[in-house]
Amino acid sequence: MDRQSIRDKIRAIASKREALVRLLEKPDLGTMRIDVNQALEEIDELIDEFKSTFPSEAS
């Protein structure tokens, strides 16, 4: 996988982060809230790792 492919995939994942944040705002989420929180943490970690690995491409 080349850098461009990785960058494109990271951007696609990052664009879906907001949907998870909106999902957390729903009061009837129940135990699924744990999974959504975990997904957000993992997305944030992935983005941070990408930025530290490719600092010049993290725009």
N, C-alpha and C. Protein backbone atom coordinates (compact mmCIF):
# COMPACT_ATOMS: atom_id res chain seq x y z
N MET A 1 0.85 -1.17 0.00
CA MET A 1 0.00 0.00 0.00
C MET A 1 0.90 1.24 0.00
N ASP A 2 0.60 2.16 -0.88
CA ASP A 2 1.43 3.36 -0.95
C ASP A 2 0.86 4.46 -0.04
N ARG A 3 1.63 5.53 0.11
CA ARG A 3 1.25 6.61 1.03
C ARG A 3 -0.09 7.23 0.65
N GLN A 4 -0.32 7.43 -0.62
CA GLN A 4 -1.58 8.04 -1.06
C GLN A 4 -2.77 7.17 -0.68
N SER A 5 -2.65 5.88 -0.84
CA SER A 5 -3.74 4.97 -0.47
C SER A 5 -4.01 5.03 1.02
N ILE A 6 -2.94 5.06 1.80
CA ILE A 6 -3.10 5.15 3.26
C ILE A 6 -3.77 6.47 3.63
N ARG A 7 -3.29 7.55 3.05
CA ARG A 7 -3.88 8.87 3.34
C ARG A 7 -5.37 8.89 2.97
N ASP A 8 -5.73 8.33 1.82
CA ASP A 8 -7.13 8.30 1.40
C ASP A 8 -7.98 7.49 2.37
N LYS A 9 -7.47 6.38 2.82
CA LYS A 9 -8.22 5.54 3.76
C LYS A 9 -8.38 6.23 5.11
N ILE A 10 -7.33 6.90 5.58
CA ILE A 10 -7.41 7.63 6.85
C ILE A 10 -8.44 8.76 6.73
N ARG A 11 -8.43 9.47 5.63
CA ARG A 11 -9.42 10.55 5.44
C ARG A 11 -10.84 9.99 5.41
N ALA A 12 -11.03 8.86 4.78
CA ALA A 12 -12.36 8.25 4.73
C ALA A 12 -12.83 7.86 6.13
N ILE A 13 -11.93 7.30 6.91
CA ILE A 13 -12.26 6.92 8.29
C ILE A 13 -12.54 8.16 9.12
N ALA A 14 -11.69 9.17 9.00
CA ALA A 14 -11.86 10.41 9.77
C ALA A 14 -13.18 11.10 9.42
N SER A 15 -13.62 11.00 8.18
CA SER A 15 -14.87 11.65 7.79
C SER A 15 -16.08 11.00 8.43
N LYS A 16 -15.95 9.77 8.85
CA LYS A 16 -17.05 9.05 9.49
C LYS A 16 -17.08 9.26 11.00
N ARG A 17 -16.05 9.89 11.54
CA ARG A 17 -15.96 10.11 12.98
C ARG A 17 -17.13 10.95 13.49
N GLU A 18 -17.51 11.95 12.76
CA GLU A 18 -18.60 12.83 13.18
C GLU A 18 -19.92 12.07 13.33
N ALA A 19 -20.14 11.07 12.52
CA ALA A 19 -21.35 10.26 12.64
C ALA A 19 -21.38 9.53 13.99
N LEU A 20 -20.24 9.07 14.43
CA LEU A 20 -20.16 8.41 15.74
C LEU A 20 -20.40 9.41 16.87
N VAL A 21 -19.87 10.61 16.72
CA VAL A 21 -20.09 11.64 17.74
C VAL A 21 -21.58 11.96 17.83
N ARG A 22 -22.25 12.08 16.69
CA ARG A 22 -23.70 12.35 16.69
C ARG A 22 -24.47 11.19 17.32
N LEU A 23 -24.00 9.98 17.07
CA LEU A 23 -24.65 8.82 17.65
C LEU A 23 -24.57 8.84 19.18
N LEU A 24 -23.46 9.31 19.71
CA LEU A 24 -23.31 9.40 21.16
C LEU A 24 -24.30 10.36 21.79
N GLU A 25 -24.80 11.30 21.04
CA GLU A 25 -25.76 12.28 21.55
C GLU A 25 -27.15 11.69 21.75
N LYS A 26 -27.40 10.52 21.21
CA LYS A 26 -28.72 9.90 21.32
C LYS A 26 -28.89 9.30 22.72
N PRO A 27 -29.97 9.64 23.39
CA PRO A 27 -30.16 9.16 24.76
C PRO A 27 -30.50 7.68 24.86
N ASP A 28 -31.00 7.08 23.79
CA ASP A 28 -31.44 5.68 23.84
C ASP A 28 -30.39 4.70 23.31
N LEU A 29 -29.14 5.06 23.40
CA LEU A 29 -28.06 4.24 22.84
C LEU A 29 -27.80 2.99 23.68
N GLY A 30 -28.03 3.08 24.97
CA GLY A 30 -27.86 1.92 25.85
C GLY A 30 -26.43 1.43 25.92
N THR A 31 -26.28 0.11 25.93
CA THR A 31 -24.95 -0.47 26.07
C THR A 31 -24.10 -0.29 24.81
N MET A 32 -24.73 0.08 23.72
CA MET A 32 -23.99 0.32 22.48
C MET A 32 -23.05 1.53 22.63
N ARG A 33 -23.33 2.38 23.62
CA ARG A 33 -22.51 3.56 23.89
C ARG A 33 -21.04 3.16 24.14
N ILE A 34 -20.84 2.04 24.79
CA ILE A 34 -19.48 1.55 25.06
C ILE A 34 -18.75 1.28 23.75
N ASP A 35 -19.42 0.63 22.82
CA ASP A 35 -18.82 0.31 21.53
C ASP A 35 -18.53 1.57 20.71
N VAL A 36 -19.44 2.52 20.76
CA VAL A 36 -19.24 3.77 20.02
C VAL A 36 -18.06 4.54 20.61
N ASN A 37 -17.99 4.60 21.93
CA ASN A 37 -16.84 5.26 22.57
C ASN A 37 -15.53 4.58 22.18
N GLN A 38 -15.52 3.26 22.17
CA GLN A 38 -14.32 2.52 21.79
C GLN A 38 -13.93 2.81 20.35
N ALA A 39 -14.91 2.86 19.47
CA ALA A 39 -14.63 3.16 18.06
C ALA A 39 -14.03 4.55 17.92
N LEU A 40 -14.57 5.52 18.65
CA LEU A 40 -14.02 6.88 18.60
C LEU A 40 -12.58 6.92 19.10
N GLU A 41 -12.32 6.22 20.18
CA GLU A 41 -10.95 6.16 20.71
C GLU A 41 -9.99 5.56 19.68
N GLU A 42 -10.42 4.50 19.03
CA GLU A 42 -9.56 3.84 18.06
C GLU A 42 -9.34 4.71 16.82
N ILE A 43 -10.37 5.40 16.38
CA ILE A 43 -10.22 6.32 15.24
C ILE A 43 -9.24 7.43 15.60
N ASP A 44 -9.40 8.00 16.79
CA ASP A 44 -8.49 9.07 17.22
C ASP A 44 -7.05 8.58 17.31
N GLU A 45 -6.88 7.37 17.82
CA GLU A 45 -5.54 6.79 17.91
C GLU A 45 -4.95 6.55 16.52
N LEU A 46 -5.75 6.05 15.61
CA LEU A 46 -5.30 5.81 14.24
C LEU A 46 -4.86 7.11 13.57
N ILE A 47 -5.66 8.16 13.74
CA ILE A 47 -5.34 9.45 13.15
C ILE A 47 -4.05 10.01 13.76
N ASP A 48 -3.90 9.89 15.08
CA ASP A 48 -2.68 10.35 15.74
C ASP A 48 -1.45 9.60 15.24
N GLU A 49 -1.58 8.29 15.09
CA GLU A 49 -0.46 7.49 14.59
C GLU A 49 -0.11 7.88 13.16
N PHE A 50 -1.12 8.13 12.35
CA PHE A 50 -0.87 8.55 10.98
C PHE A 50 -0.11 9.88 10.97
N LYS A 51 -0.58 10.82 11.79
CA LYS A 51 0.08 12.13 11.85
C LYS A 51 1.51 12.04 12.33
N SER A 52 1.78 11.14 13.27
CA SER A 52 3.16 11.03 13.75
C SER A 52 4.05 10.27 12.76
N THR A 53 3.47 9.37 11.98
CA THR A 53 4.24 8.61 11.00
C THR A 53 4.48 9.42 9.73
N PHE A 54 3.47 10.17 9.30
CA PHE A 54 3.56 10.99 8.10
C PHE A 54 3.21 12.45 8.42
N PRO A 55 4.05 13.13 9.18
CA PRO A 55 3.69 14.48 9.62
C PRO A 55 3.47 15.47 8.48
N SER A 56 4.17 15.32 7.38
CA SER A 56 4.00 16.26 6.27
C SER A 56 2.75 15.99 5.45
N GLU A 57 2.11 14.85 5.68
CA GLU A 57 0.93 14.47 4.90
C GLU A 57 -0.34 14.44 5.73
N ALA A 58 -0.28 14.96 6.92
CA ALA A 58 -1.42 14.82 7.84
C ALA A 58 -2.46 15.93 7.70
N SER A 59 -2.52 16.55 6.56
CA SER A 59 -3.49 17.64 6.39
C SER A 59 -4.91 17.16 6.24
